[in-house]
C-alpha atoms as a PDB file:
ATOM      1  CA  MET A   1     -74.795 -41.819 -36.257  1.00  0.00           C
ATOM      2  CA  PRO A   2     -72.862 -44.737 -35.645  1.00  0.00           C
ATOM      3  CA  ALA A   3     -69.138 -45.179 -36.471  1.00  0.00           C
ATOM      4  CA  PRO A   4     -67.849 -47.052 -39.478  1.00  0.00           C
ATOM      5  CA  GLN A   5     -67.346 -51.154 -38.776  1.00  0.00           C
ATOM      6  CA  VAL A   6     -64.159 -52.870 -39.885  1.00  0.00           C
ATOM      7  CA  LYS A   7     -65.985 -55.862 -42.338  1.00  0.00           C
ATOM      8  CA  PRO A   8     -65.311 -59.128 -39.928  1.00  0.00           C
ATOM      9  CA  LYS A   9     -63.254 -61.351 -41.236  1.00  0.00           C
ATOM     10  CA  TRP A  10     -60.552 -63.597 -39.950  1.00  0.00           C
ATOM     11  CA  ARG A  11     -57.062 -61.666 -40.233  1.00  0.00           C
ATOM     12  CA  PRO A  12     -53.626 -62.688 -38.637  1.00  0.00           C
ATOM     13  CA  PRO A  13     -52.585 -61.023 -35.309  1.00  0.00           C
ATOM     14  CA  LEU A  14     -49.317 -59.244 -35.930  1.00  0.00           C
ATOM     15  CA  ALA A  15     -46.996 -61.834 -33.771  1.00  0.00           C
ATOM     16  CA  LEU A  16     -48.364 -64.674 -36.047  1.00  0.00           C
ATOM     17  CA  ILE A  17     -46.782 -62.253 -38.871  1.00  0.00           C
ATOM     18  CA  VAL A  18     -43.706 -61.555 -37.336  1.00  0.00           C
ATOM     19  CA  TYR A  19     -43.166 -65.314 -36.360  1.00  0.00           C
ATOM     20  CA  ALA A  20     -43.854 -66.428 -39.646  1.00  0.00           C
ATOM     21  CA  VAL A  21     -41.468 -64.249 -41.339  1.00  0.00           C
ATOM     22  CA  LEU A  22     -38.352 -65.447 -39.540  1.00  0.00           C
ATOM     23  CA  LEU A  23     -38.971 -68.427 -39.433  1.00  0.00           C
ATOM     24  CA  SER A  24     -39.609 -68.366 -42.879  1.00  0.00           C
ATOM     25  CA  ILE A  25     -36.521 -66.588 -43.564  1.00  0.00           C
ATOM     26  CA  MET A  26     -34.537 -69.168 -41.153  1.00  0.00           C
ATOM     27  CA  SER A  27     -36.007 -72.076 -42.662  1.00  0.00           C
ATOM     28  CA  LEU A  28     -34.189 -71.379 -46.321  1.00  0.00           C
ATOM     29  CA  PRO A  29     -30.717 -72.024 -44.731  1.00  0.00           C
ATOM     30  CA  ILE A  30     -32.000 -75.019 -43.584  1.00  0.00           C
ATOM     31  CA  ILE A  31     -33.912 -75.933 -47.073  1.00  0.00           C
ATOM     32  CA  SER A  32     -30.559 -75.499 -48.666  1.00  0.00           C
ATOM     33  CA  ILE A  33     -28.352 -77.925 -46.880  1.00  0.00           C
ATOM     34  CA  ILE A  34     -31.359 -80.546 -47.136  1.00  0.00           C
ATOM     35  CA  TRP A  35     -31.491 -79.777 -50.999  1.00  0.00           C
ATOM     36  CA  PHE A  36     -27.388 -80.392 -51.494  1.00  0.00           C
ATOM     37  CA  ARG A  37     -27.094 -83.484 -49.013  1.00  0.00           C
ATOM     38  CA  ALA A  38     -30.365 -84.642 -51.381  1.00  0.00           C
ATOM     39  CA  THR A  39     -28.847 -84.512 -54.686  1.00  0.00           C
ATOM     40  CA  ASP A  40     -24.971 -85.216 -53.920  1.00  0.00           C
ATOM     41  CA  ASN A  41     -24.539 -88.709 -53.035  1.00  0.00           C
ATOM     42  CA  ALA A  42     -20.886 -88.409 -52.091  1.00  0.00           C
ATOM     43  CA  ALA A  43     -21.863 -85.801 -49.386  1.00  0.00           C
ATOM     44  CA  SER A  44     -22.051 -87.484 -45.824  1.00  0.00           C
ATOM     45  CA  MET A  45     -24.813 -86.347 -42.799  1.00  0.00           C
ATOM     46  CA  THR A  46     -25.270 -83.491 -41.570  1.00  0.00           C
ATOM     47  CA  THR A  47     -22.457 -82.783 -39.433  1.00  0.00           C
ATOM     48  CA  ALA A  48     -22.695 -81.904 -35.721  1.00  0.00           C
ATOM     49  CA  THR A  49     -21.364 -78.439 -36.518  1.00  0.00           C
ATOM     50  CA  GLU A  50     -23.721 -77.759 -39.098  1.00  0.00           C
ATOM     51  CA  ALA A  51     -26.576 -78.741 -36.856  1.00  0.00           C
ATOM     52  CA  ALA A  52     -24.758 -76.853 -34.616  1.00  0.00           C
ATOM     53  CA  GLY A  53     -25.131 -73.735 -36.508  1.00  0.00           C
ATOM     54  CA  LEU A  54     -28.755 -74.587 -38.060  1.00  0.00           C
ATOM     55  CA  LEU A  55     -29.573 -74.477 -33.726  1.00  0.00           C
ATOM     56  CA  ALA A  56     -27.585 -70.805 -33.455  1.00  0.00           C
ATOM     57  CA  VAL A  57     -30.227 -69.697 -36.473  1.00  0.00           C
ATOM     58  CA  LEU A  58     -33.055 -71.136 -34.791  1.00  0.00           C
ATOM     59  CA  LEU A  59     -32.896 -69.613 -31.467  1.00  0.00           C
ATOM     60  CA  VAL A  60     -31.115 -66.327 -32.724  1.00  0.00           C
ATOM     61  CA  THR A  61     -34.024 -65.922 -35.217  1.00  0.00           C
ATOM     62  CA  LEU A  62     -36.644 -66.522 -32.107  1.00  0.00           C
ATOM     63  CA  ALA A  63     -34.907 -64.034 -30.168  1.00  0.00           C
ATOM     64  CA  VAL A  64     -35.322 -61.600 -32.866  1.00  0.00           C
ATOM     65  CA  ALA A  65     -39.372 -62.732 -33.017  1.00  0.00           C
ATOM     66  CA  TYR A  66     -39.586 -61.811 -29.454  1.00  0.00           C
ATOM     67  CA  VAL A  67     -38.233 -58.413 -29.454  1.00  0.00           C
ATOM     68  CA  LEU A  68     -39.808 -57.575 -32.390  1.00  0.00           C
ATOM     69  CA  SER A  69     -42.736 -58.978 -30.402  1.00  0.00           C
ATOM     70  CA  ARG A  70     -42.100 -57.256 -27.589  1.00  0.00           C
ATOM     71  CA  ASN A  71     -41.295 -53.904 -28.920  1.00  0.00           C
ATOM     72  CA  ILE A  72     -43.885 -54.087 -31.687  1.00  0.00           C
ATOM     73  CA  THR A  73     -47.202 -55.823 -31.322  1.00  0.00           C
ATOM     74  CA  GLY A  74     -46.847 -55.556 -27.028  1.00  0.00           C
ATOM     75  CA  PRO A  75     -47.821 -51.396 -27.309  1.00  0.00           C
ATOM     76  CA  ILE A  76     -49.526 -51.878 -29.912  1.00  0.00           C
ATOM     77  CA  ASN A  77     -51.992 -54.146 -27.987  1.00  0.00           C
ATOM     78  CA  ALA A  78     -51.741 -52.145 -24.764  1.00  0.00           C
ATOM     79  CA  LEU A  79     -52.927 -49.139 -26.608  1.00  0.00           C
ATOM     80  CA  ILE A  80     -55.794 -51.086 -28.076  1.00  0.00           C
ATOM     81  CA  ALA A  81     -57.148 -52.048 -24.430  1.00  0.00           C
ATOM     82  CA  ARG A  82     -55.899 -48.002 -23.376  1.00  0.00           C
ATOM     83  CA  SER A  83     -58.654 -47.143 -26.005  1.00  0.00           C
ATOM     84  CA  ASP A  84     -61.390 -49.357 -24.621  1.00  0.00           C
ATOM     85  CA  GLU A  85     -60.604 -47.990 -20.890  1.00  0.00           C
ATOM     86  CA  ILE A  86     -60.881 -44.441 -22.176  1.00  0.00           C
ATOM     87  CA  ALA A  87     -63.985 -45.200 -24.085  1.00  0.00           C
ATOM     88  CA  HIS A  88     -65.538 -46.442 -20.548  1.00  0.00           C
ATOM     89  CA  GLY A  89     -63.808 -44.018 -17.698  1.00  0.00           C
ATOM     90  CA  GLY A  90     -63.129 -41.139 -19.277  1.00  0.00           C
ATOM     91  CA  ARG A  91     -59.996 -38.761 -18.213  1.00  0.00           C
ATOM     92  CA  SER A  92     -58.945 -40.797 -15.438  1.00  0.00           C
ATOM     93  CA  ALA A  93     -57.806 -43.653 -17.916  1.00  0.00           C
ATOM     94  CA  ILE A  94     -56.207 -40.792 -19.941  1.00  0.00           C
ATOM     95  CA  ARG A  95     -52.364 -41.852 -19.398  1.00  0.00           C
ATOM     96  CA  PRO A  96     -49.105 -42.829 -20.668  1.00  0.00           C
ATOM     97  CA  LEU A  97     -48.402 -46.204 -21.344  1.00  0.00           C
ATOM     98  CA  GLY A  98     -45.755 -48.341 -19.529  1.00  0.00           C
ATOM     99  CA  SER A  99     -43.844 -48.885 -22.904  1.00  0.00           C
ATOM    100  CA  TYR A 100     -44.082 -47.861 -26.304  1.00  0.00           C
ATOM    101  CA  GLY A 101     -40.902 -49.950 -27.854  1.00  0.00           C
ATOM    102  CA  THR A 102     -40.210 -47.796 -30.593  1.00  0.00           C
ATOM    103  CA  ARG A 103     -40.336 -43.777 -31.967  1.00  0.00           C
ATOM    104  CA  GLU A 104     -43.348 -44.220 -34.050  1.00  0.00           C
ATOM    105  CA  ILE A 105     -45.458 -45.812 -31.793  1.00  0.00           C
ATOM    106  CA  ALA A 106     -44.544 -43.821 -29.108  1.00  0.00           C
ATOM    107  CA  THR A 107     -45.574 -40.577 -31.288  1.00  0.00           C
ATOM    108  CA  LEU A 108     -49.028 -42.023 -32.216  1.00  0.00           C
ATOM    109  CA  SER A 109     -49.615 -42.774 -28.222  1.00  0.00           C
ATOM    110  CA  GLN A 110     -49.093 -39.018 -27.490  1.00  0.00           C
ATOM    111  CA  SER A 111     -51.397 -38.432 -30.564  1.00  0.00           C
ATOM    112  CA  PHE A 112     -53.585 -40.766 -29.314  1.00  0.00           C
ATOM    113  CA  LEU A 113     -53.944 -39.294 -25.831  1.00  0.00           C
ATOM    114  CA  ASP A 114     -53.798 -35.868 -26.865  1.00  0.00           C
ATOM    115  CA  LEU A 115     -56.923 -36.328 -29.271  1.00  0.00           C
ATOM    116  CA  ALA A 116     -58.684 -38.177 -26.792  1.00  0.00           C
ATOM    117  CA  ALA A 117     -57.891 -35.740 -23.929  1.00  0.00           C
ATOM    118  CA  LYS A 118     -59.427 -33.092 -26.209  1.00  0.00           C
ATOM    119  CA  LEU A 119     -62.326 -35.039 -26.904  1.00  0.00           C
ATOM    120  CA  VAL A 120     -62.707 -35.567 -23.371  1.00  0.00           C
ATOM    121  CA  ASP A 121     -62.432 -31.665 -22.691  1.00  0.00           C
ATOM    122  CA  ARG A 122     -65.026 -31.257 -25.817  1.00  0.00           C
ATOM    123  CA  SER A 123     -67.586 -33.848 -24.002  1.00  0.00           C
ATOM    124  CA  GLU A 124     -67.466 -32.312 -20.840  1.00  0.00           C
ATOM    125  CA  HIS A 125     -67.595 -28.412 -22.333  1.00  0.00           C
ATOM    126  CA  VAL A 126     -70.934 -29.806 -24.146  1.00  0.00           C
ATOM    127  CA  ARG A 127     -72.616 -31.495 -21.054  1.00  0.00           C
ATOM    128  CA  SER A 128     -71.726 -27.545 -18.975  1.00  0.00           C
ATOM    129  CA  PHE A 129     -72.687 -25.781 -21.661  1.00  0.00           C
ATOM    130  CA  ALA A 130     -75.967 -28.000 -22.426  1.00  0.00           C
ATOM    131  CA  ALA A 131     -76.934 -26.949 -18.915  1.00  0.00           C
ATOM    132  CA  HIS A 132     -76.289 -23.729 -18.469  1.00  0.00           C
ATOM    133  CA  VAL A 133     -78.445 -23.416 -21.648  1.00  0.00           C
ATOM    134  CA  SER A 134     -81.335 -24.797 -20.691  1.00  0.00           C
ATOM    135  CA  HIS A 135     -80.816 -22.735 -17.148  1.00  0.00           C
ATOM    136  CA  GLU A 136     -80.964 -19.363 -19.217  1.00  0.00           C
ATOM    137  CA  LEU A 137     -83.573 -20.157 -21.377  1.00  0.00           C
ATOM    138  CA  LYS A 138     -86.044 -21.746 -18.827  1.00  0.00           C
ATOM    139  CA  SER A 139     -85.808 -18.035 -16.644  1.00  0.00           C
ATOM    140  CA  PRO A 140     -87.597 -16.565 -19.969  1.00  0.00           C
ATOM    141  CA  LEU A 141     -89.911 -19.241 -20.811  1.00  0.00           C
ATOM    142  CA  THR A 142     -90.988 -19.172 -17.466  1.00  0.00           C
ATOM    143  CA  SER A 143     -91.885 -15.233 -17.228  1.00  0.00           C
ATOM    144  CA  ILE A 144     -93.526 -15.235 -20.622  1.00  0.00           C
ATOM    145  CA  ARG A 145     -95.552 -18.563 -19.669  1.00  0.00           C
ATOM    146  CA  GLY A 146     -96.726 -16.981 -16.100  1.00  0.00           C
ATOM    147  CA  ALA A 147     -97.686 -13.570 -17.814  1.00  0.00           C
ATOM    148  CA  ALA A 148     -99.829 -15.289 -20.527  1.00  0.00           C
ATOM    149  CA  GLU A 149    -101.521 -17.287 -18.183  1.00  0.00           C
ATOM    150  CA  LEU A 150    -102.459 -14.184 -16.191  1.00  0.00           C
ATOM    151  CA  LEU A 151    -103.891 -12.638 -19.564  1.00  0.00           C
ATOM    152  CA  ARG A 152    -105.631 -15.383 -19.796  1.00  0.00           C
ATOM    153  CA  ASP A 153    -107.205 -15.610 -17.209  1.00  0.00           C
ATOM    154  CA  ASP A 154    -108.332 -12.403 -16.662  1.00  0.00           C
ATOM    155  CA  ASP A 155    -112.177 -11.840 -16.567  1.00  0.00           C
ATOM    156  CA  ASP A 156    -114.636  -9.313 -16.151  1.00  0.00           C
ATOM    157  CA  GLN A 157    -114.998  -9.982 -12.363  1.00  0.00           C
ATOM    158  CA  GLN A 158    -111.424  -8.688 -11.316  1.00  0.00           C
ATOM    159  CA  PRO A 159    -110.235  -7.559 -14.510  1.00  0.00           C
ATOM    160  CA  MET A 160    -107.152  -6.217 -14.848  1.00  0.00           C
ATOM    161  CA  THR A 161    -106.241  -2.231 -15.014  1.00  0.00           C
ATOM    162  CA  SER A 162    -104.304  -0.941 -18.652  1.00  0.00           C
ATOM    163  CA  ALA A 163    -100.994  -0.343 -16.734  1.00  0.00           C
ATOM    164  CA  GLU A 164    -100.797  -3.838 -15.372  1.00  0.00           C
ATOM    165  CA  ARG A 165    -101.833  -5.505 -18.940  1.00  0.00           C
ATOM    166  CA  LEU A 166     -99.436  -2.924 -20.692  1.00  0.00           C
ATOM    167  CA  ARG A 167     -96.443  -4.151 -17.758  1.00  0.00           C
ATOM    168  CA  PHE A 168     -97.610  -7.895 -18.704  1.00  0.00           C
ATOM    169  CA  LEU A 169     -96.989  -7.465 -22.416  1.00  0.00           C
ATOM    170  CA  GLU A 170     -94.129  -5.407 -22.077  1.00  0.00           C
ATOM    171  CA  ASN A 171     -92.379  -8.858 -19.920  1.00  0.00           C
ATOM    172  CA  ILE A 172     -93.325 -10.762 -22.328  1.00  0.00           C
ATOM    173  CA  ILE A 173     -92.049  -8.449 -25.370  1.00  0.00           C
ATOM    174  CA  ALA A 174     -88.614  -8.030 -23.148  1.00  0.00           C
ATOM    175  CA  ASP A 175     -87.999 -11.914 -22.508  1.00  0.00           C
ATOM    176  CA  SER A 176     -89.134 -12.613 -25.873  1.00  0.00           C
ATOM    177  CA  GLU A 177     -86.479 -10.391 -27.195  1.00  0.00           C
ATOM    178  CA  ARG A 178     -84.055 -11.814 -24.701  1.00  0.00           C
ATOM    179  CA  LEU A 179     -84.560 -15.514 -26.452  1.00  0.00           C
ATOM    180  CA  ASP A 180     -84.000 -14.175 -29.301  1.00  0.00           C
ATOM    181  CA  LEU A 181     -80.319 -13.091 -28.203  1.00  0.00           C
ATOM    182  CA  LEU A 182     -79.755 -16.214 -27.266  1.00  0.00           C
ATOM    183  CA  LEU A 183     -80.640 -17.704 -29.866  1.00  0.00           C
ATOM    184  CA  ALA A 184     -78.410 -15.885 -31.931  1.00  0.00           C
ATOM    185  CA  ARG A 185     -75.371 -15.939 -29.701  1.00  0.00           C
ATOM    186  CA  LEU A 186     -75.887 -19.784 -29.955  1.00  0.00           C
ATOM    187  CA  ARG A 187     -75.773 -19.354 -33.779  1.00  0.00           C
ATOM    188  CA  GLU A 188     -72.586 -17.505 -33.342  1.00  0.00           C
ATOM    189  CA  LEU A 189     -71.018 -20.258 -31.070  1.00  0.00           C
ATOM    190  CA  ALA A 190     -72.214 -23.176 -33.207  1.00  0.00           C
ATOM    191  CA  TYR A 191     -70.744 -20.998 -36.658  1.00  0.00           C
ATOM    192  CA  ALA A 192     -67.481 -20.770 -34.376  1.00  0.00           C
ATOM    193  CA  GLU A 193     -67.418 -24.399 -33.942  1.00  0.00           C
ATOM    194  CA  ILE A 194     -67.072 -24.624 -37.781  1.00  0.00           C
ATOM    195  CA  PRO A 195     -63.764 -24.881 -39.377  1.00  0.00           C
ATOM    196  CA  MET A 196     -63.186 -22.121 -42.173  1.00  0.00           C
ATOM    197  CA  PRO A 197     -60.923 -21.961 -44.576  1.00  0.00           C
ATOM    198  CA  SER A 198     -57.554 -19.638 -43.472  1.00  0.00           C
ATOM    199  CA  GLU A 199     -57.598 -16.187 -44.673  1.00  0.00           C
ATOM    200  CA  GLN A 200     -55.324 -13.088 -43.956  1.00  0.00           C
ATOM    201  CA  ILE A 201     -56.646 -10.166 -42.411  1.00  0.00           C
ATOM    202  CA  CYS A 202     -54.636  -7.378 -40.363  1.00  0.00           C
ATOM    203  CA  THR A 203     -55.597  -4.700 -37.627  1.00  0.00           C
ATOM    204  CA  GLU A 204     -56.351  -1.996 -39.884  1.00  0.00           C
ATOM    205  CA  ASP A 205     -59.035  -3.968 -42.028  1.00  0.00           C
ATOM    206  CA  VAL A 206     -60.685  -5.199 -37.910  1.00  0.00           C
ATOM    207  CA  CYS A 207     -60.487  -1.087 -37.713  1.00  0.00           C
ATOM    208  CA  ARG A 208     -62.664  -0.164 -40.626  1.00  0.00           C
ATOM    209  CA  MET A 209     -65.649  -3.147 -40.115  1.00  0.00           C
ATOM    210  CA  LEU A 210     -66.021  -2.104 -36.507  1.00  0.00           C
ATOM    211  CA  ARG A 211     -65.820   1.881 -37.357  1.00  0.00           C
ATOM    212  CA  GLU A 212     -68.692   0.610 -39.848  1.00  0.00           C
ATOM    213  CA  ARG A 213     -70.814  -1.351 -36.634  1.00  0.00           C
ATOM    214  CA  PHE A 214     -69.668   1.123 -34.005  1.00  0.00           C
ATOM    215  CA  ALA A 215     -69.547   4.757 -35.824  1.00  0.00           C
ATOM    216  CA  ALA A 216     -70.575   6.911 -33.154  1.00  0.00           C
ATOM    217  CA  PHE A 217     -67.102   5.755 -31.010  1.00  0.00           C
ATOM    218  CA  GLU A 218     -63.771   6.306 -31.617  1.00  0.00           C
ATOM    219  CA  ILE A 219     -61.661   3.515 -32.896  1.00  0.00           C
ATOM    220  CA  VAL A 220     -58.067   3.347 -33.556  1.00  0.00           C
ATOM    221  CA  ALA A 221     -55.165   1.265 -34.743  1.00  0.00           C
ATOM    222  CA  GLU A 222     -51.725   1.682 -33.466  1.00  0.00           C
ATOM    223  CA  GLY A 223     -48.609  -0.710 -33.612  1.00  0.00           C
ATOM    224  CA  ASP A 224     -47.805  -3.039 -36.743  1.00  0.00           C
ATOM    225  CA  SER A 225     -51.353  -2.437 -37.770  1.00  0.00           C
ATOM    226  CA  ALA A 226     -50.668  -3.620 -41.431  1.00  0.00           C
ATOM    227  CA  ARG A 227     -49.123  -6.851 -40.217  1.00  0.00           C
ATOM    228  CA  LEU A 228     -51.224  -9.652 -41.411  1.00  0.00           C
ATOM    229  CA  PHE A 229     -52.321 -12.598 -39.476  1.00  0.00           C
ATOM    230  CA  THR A 230     -54.609 -15.826 -39.961  1.00  0.00           C
ATOM    231  CA  LEU A 231     -58.129 -15.430 -39.510  1.00  0.00           C
ATOM    232  CA  PRO A 232     -61.483 -15.403 -41.940  1.00  0.00           C
ATOM    233  CA  VAL A 233     -63.061 -11.845 -42.033  1.00  0.00           C
ATOM    234  CA  GLU A 234     -66.625 -13.363 -40.726  1.00  0.00           C
ATOM    235  CA  ALA A 235     -64.551 -14.562 -37.997  1.00  0.00           C
ATOM    236  CA  ALA A 236     -62.743 -11.335 -37.219  1.00  0.00           C
ATOM    237  CA  ALA A 237     -66.025  -9.637 -37.109  1.00  0.00           C
ATOM    238  CA  VAL A 238     -67.250 -11.932 -34.716  1.00  0.00           C
ATOM    239  CA  VAL A 239     -64.811 -11.879 -31.903  1.00  0.00           C
ATOM    240  CA  PHE A 240     -63.579  -8.075 -32.182  1.00  0.00           C
ATOM    241  CA  GLY A 241     -67.190  -7.084 -32.626  1.00  0.00           C
ATOM    242  CA  ASN A 242     -68.268  -8.770 -29.027  1.00  0.00           C
ATOM    243  CA  LEU A 243     -65.301  -7.140 -27.550  1.00  0.00           C
ATOM    244  CA  ALA A 244     -65.978  -3.695 -28.607  1.00  0.00           C
ATOM    245  CA  ASP A 245     -69.712  -3.869 -28.015  1.00  0.00           C
ATOM    246  CA  ASN A 246     -68.683  -4.926 -24.360  1.00  0.00           C
ATOM    247  CA  ALA A 247     -66.431  -2.164 -24.347  1.00  0.00           C
ATOM    248  CA  PHE A 248     -69.318   0.213 -25.911  1.00  0.00           C
ATOM    249  CA  GLN A 249     -72.006  -1.182 -23.283  1.00  0.00           C
ATOM    250  CA  ASN A 250     -69.822  -0.687 -20.431  1.00  0.00           C
ATOM    251  CA  GLY A 251     -69.038   2.889 -20.589  1.00  0.00           C
ATOM    252  CA  ALA A 252     -65.784   3.184 -23.321  1.00  0.00           C
ATOM    253  CA  LYS A 253     -66.277   5.936 -26.042  1.00  0.00           C
ATOM    254  CA  ARG A 254     -62.746   4.943 -27.664  1.00  0.00           C
ATOM    255  CA  LEU A 255     -61.226   1.823 -28.486  1.00  0.00           C
ATOM    256  CA  ARG A 256     -57.467   1.062 -29.085  1.00  0.00           C
ATOM    257  CA  LEU A 257     -56.138  -1.636 -31.255  1.00  0.00           C
ATOM    258  CA  THR A 258     -52.924  -2.444 -31.110  1.00  0.00           C
ATOM    259  CA  ALA A 259     -50.902  -4.823 -32.739  1.00  0.00           C
ATOM    260  CA  LEU A 260     -47.431  -6.563 -31.659  1.00  0.00           C
ATOM    261  CA  ALA A 261     -45.606  -8.634 -33.947  1.00  0.00           C
ATOM    262  CA  THR A 262     -43.659 -11.792 -32.079  1.00  0.00           C
ATOM    263  CA  GLY A 263     -42.162 -14.383 -33.332  1.00  0.00           C
ATOM    264  CA  GLN A 264     -44.573 -16.072 -35.757  1.00  0.00           C
ATOM    265  CA  SER A 265     -47.960 -15.461 -33.930  1.00  0.00           C
ATOM    266  CA  VAL A 266     -49.463 -11.603 -34.034  1.00  0.00           C
ATOM    267  CA  THR A 267     -51.074 -10.487 -30.430  1.00  0.00           C
ATOM    268  CA  VAL A 268     -53.860  -7.422 -31.014  1.00  0.00           C
ATOM    269  CA  LEU A 269     -53.785  -5.425 -27.680  1.00  0.00           C
ATOM    270  CA  VAL A 270     -57.742  -4.109 -27.288  1.00  0.00           C
ATOM    271  CA  SER A 271     -57.932  -1.597 -24.838  1.00  0.00           C
ATOM    272  CA  ASP A 272     -60.861   0.679 -23.775  1.00  0.00           C
ATOM    273  CA  ASP A 273     -61.443   3.647 -21.701  1.00  0.00           C
ATOM    274  CA  GLY A 274     -64.573   2.222 -19.762  1.00  0.00           C
ATOM    275  CA  ASN A 275     -65.409   1.151 -16.422  1.00  0.00           C
ATOM    276  CA  GLY A 276     -63.325  -1.872 -16.201  1.00  0.00           C
ATOM    277  CA  ILE A 277     -63.895  -5.009 -14.562  1.00  0.00           C
ATOM    278  CA  SER A 278     -63.783  -5.277 -10.745  1.00  0.00           C
ATOM    279  CA  PRO A 279     -61.123  -7.950  -9.181  1.00  0.00           C
ATOM    280  CA  ALA A 280     -64.062 -10.000  -7.916  1.00  0.00           C
ATOM    281  CA  ASN A 281     -65.159 -10.675 -11.431  1.00  0.00           C
ATOM    282  CA  ARG A 282     -61.531 -10.945 -13.405  1.00  0.00           C
ATOM    283  CA  GLU A 283     -61.659 -15.241 -12.879  1.00  0.00           C
ATOM    284  CA  ARG A 284     -65.247 -15.137 -14.006  1.00  0.00           C
ATOM    285  CA  VAL A 285     -65.116 -13.412 -17.431  1.00  0.00           C
ATOM    286  CA  PHE A 286     -64.670 -16.055 -19.657  1.00  0.00           C
ATOM    287  CA  GLN A 287     -67.407 -18.132 -17.738  1.00  0.00           C
ATOM    288  CA  PRO A 288     -70.142 -19.038 -20.344  1.00  0.00           C
ATOM    289  CA  PHE A 289     -73.436 -16.856 -19.362  1.00  0.00           C
ATOM    290  CA  PHE A 290     -71.697 -14.540 -16.449  1.00  0.00           C
ATOM    291  CA  SER A 291     -72.662 -11.034 -17.277  1.00  0.00           C
ATOM    292  CA  THR A 292     -72.682  -7.851 -15.187  1.00  0.00           C
ATOM    293  CA  ARG A 293     -75.291  -6.560 -17.491  1.00  0.00           C
ATOM    294  CA  ARG A 294     -78.062  -9.546 -17.517  1.00  0.00           C
ATOM    295  CA  GLN A 295     -80.478  -6.472 -16.380  1.00  0.00           C
ATOM    296  CA  GLN A 296     -79.643  -4.764 -19.438  1.00  0.00           C
ATOM    297  CA  GLY A 297     -80.118  -7.914 -21.666  1.00  0.00           C
ATOM    298  CA  GLY A 298     -76.742  -9.269 -21.528  1.00  0.00           C
ATOM    299  CA  THR A 299     -75.956 -12.751 -22.558  1.00  0.00           C
ATOM    300  CA  GLY A 300     -72.385 -13.591 -20.730  1.00  0.00           C
ATOM    301  CA  MET A 301     -72.072 -15.615 -23.746  1.00  0.00           C
ATOM    302  CA  GLY A 302     -69.461 -12.702 -26.095  1.00  0.00           C
ATOM    303  CA  LEU A 303     -66.154 -13.559 -24.775  1.00  0.00           C
ATOM    304  CA  GLU A 304     -66.625 -17.384 -24.436  1.00  0.00           C
ATOM    305  CA  ILE A 305     -67.589 -16.989 -28.510  1.00  0.00           C
ATOM    306  CA  ALA A 306     -64.718 -15.385 -29.126  1.00  0.00           C
ATOM    307  CA  ARG A 307     -62.189 -17.362 -27.555  1.00  0.00           C
ATOM    308  CA  THR A 308     -64.194 -20.561 -29.195  1.00  0.00           C
ATOM    309  CA  MET A 309     -63.787 -18.851 -32.519  1.00  0.00           C
ATOM    310  CA  LEU A 310     -60.326 -18.451 -31.924  1.00  0.00           C
ATOM    311  CA  ALA A 311     -59.180 -21.815 -31.037  1.00  0.00           C
ATOM    312  CA  SER A 312     -60.461 -23.616 -33.780  1.00  0.00           C
ATOM    313  CA  HIS A 313     -57.806 -21.268 -35.765  1.00  0.00           C
ATOM    314  CA  GLY A 314     -54.805 -21.269 -33.633  1.00  0.00           C
ATOM    315  CA  GLY A 315     -55.438 -18.464 -31.401  1.00  0.00           C
ATOM    316  CA  GLN A 316     -56.218 -17.465 -27.912  1.00  0.00           C
ATOM    317  CA  ILE A 317     -57.598 -14.775 -25.879  1.00  0.00           C
ATOM    318  CA  ALA A 318     -56.567 -13.226 -22.351  1.00  0.00           C
ATOM    319  CA  LEU A 319     -57.504 -10.726 -20.218  1.00  0.00           C
ATOM    320  CA  GLN A 320     -54.701  -8.653 -19.442  1.00  0.00           C
ATOM    321  CA  ASP A 321     -53.274  -6.186 -16.040  1.00  0.00           C
ATOM    322  CA  ARG A 322     -53.166  -2.842 -16.512  1.00  0.00           C
ATOM    323  CA  GLN A 323     -52.597   0.307 -14.715  1.00  0.00           C
ATOM    324  CA  GLU A 324     -54.760   2.739 -16.306  1.00  0.00           C
ATOM    325  CA  PRO A 325     -58.675   2.879 -16.313  1.00  0.00           C
ATOM    326  CA  GLY A 326     -60.838   0.533 -18.675  1.00  0.00           C
ATOM    327  CA  THR A 327     -60.014  -2.917 -19.916  1.00  0.00           C
ATOM    328  CA  GLN A 328     -57.833  -4.716 -22.174  1.00  0.00           C
ATOM    329  CA  PHE A 329     -57.557  -7.990 -24.108  1.00  0.00           C
ATOM    330  CA  ALA A 330     -54.982  -9.961 -25.514  1.00  0.00           C
ATOM    331  CA  VAL A 331     -55.714 -11.564 -29.418  1.00  0.00           C
ATOM    332  CA  THR A 332     -53.234 -13.744 -30.560  1.00  0.00           C
ATOM    333  CA  LEU A 333     -53.107 -15.452 -33.671  1.00  0.00           C
ATOM    334  CA  PRO A 334     -50.895 -17.137 -36.173  1.00  0.00           C
ATOM    335  CA  GLN A 335     -49.027 -14.534 -38.589  1.00  0.00           C
ATOM    336  CA  VAL A 336     -48.750 -14.969 -42.167  1.00  0.00           C
END
């Protein structure tokens, strides 16, 4: 969808307005002097002192106009030029202006640079994610197509055995299930990108939801578990559900959620007693589509979805170092 266009028509530049206003104000004393000289027959012509005073007023007016133009018009024009440069140059064009002039323009420029950086990051993320998605979808589709072609080409001269036919059909079913899981994860990720109304929830509420979903495992809440933090119920189910699913798929039998209130935020430590994460994989756990359970159907999108959903609500997630066996994640969100 194209961006809305500003209606084209002539509009005066800011510099013209500044100079016109100041010159209009300066003209008032000149007009007053001319008026009184014209109506007072006894008055003499303008004296040299009056002329010098008017000239001084003119010079001061022009100086004020120059200062306003330099501190307002110049930075605004520079910001306009920088926006065009960012549109064509990407991240390399995101850099501070040479001069901001006023506090308001400096604040506006910083907001603009922050927004531009977020948009560029988002664009790069979408481009990278699209490449990963196409790669992940290609593998099961290729497998399904190959198995289907072999089944199609089966003839009476070289018939397949029942075991071969069953193996190909099982491969098709397994790859179809993997595609369904990938699409479900993509829907969750799209859901994570949609802003939702802020709601209040606590760690005890999260534990109740997880116990209903993972009834065979032990899930406990500790610490300041009644402390409310800002996160919709649906988002909490996705975020903590993915963490719990990863833990139980990696051999955990017990999940502990410890809530700690710090300043204006609440940190929930999600700890399990599973197999843990090897040092070689710790730097890759948030990489989209990275999974150590690919043969068991893992998609490697759970943590990416959790991070995206938390970021949309002002939160974050981080992998913690710990001496005990298992894995621990810290989920931080604004408290109510």
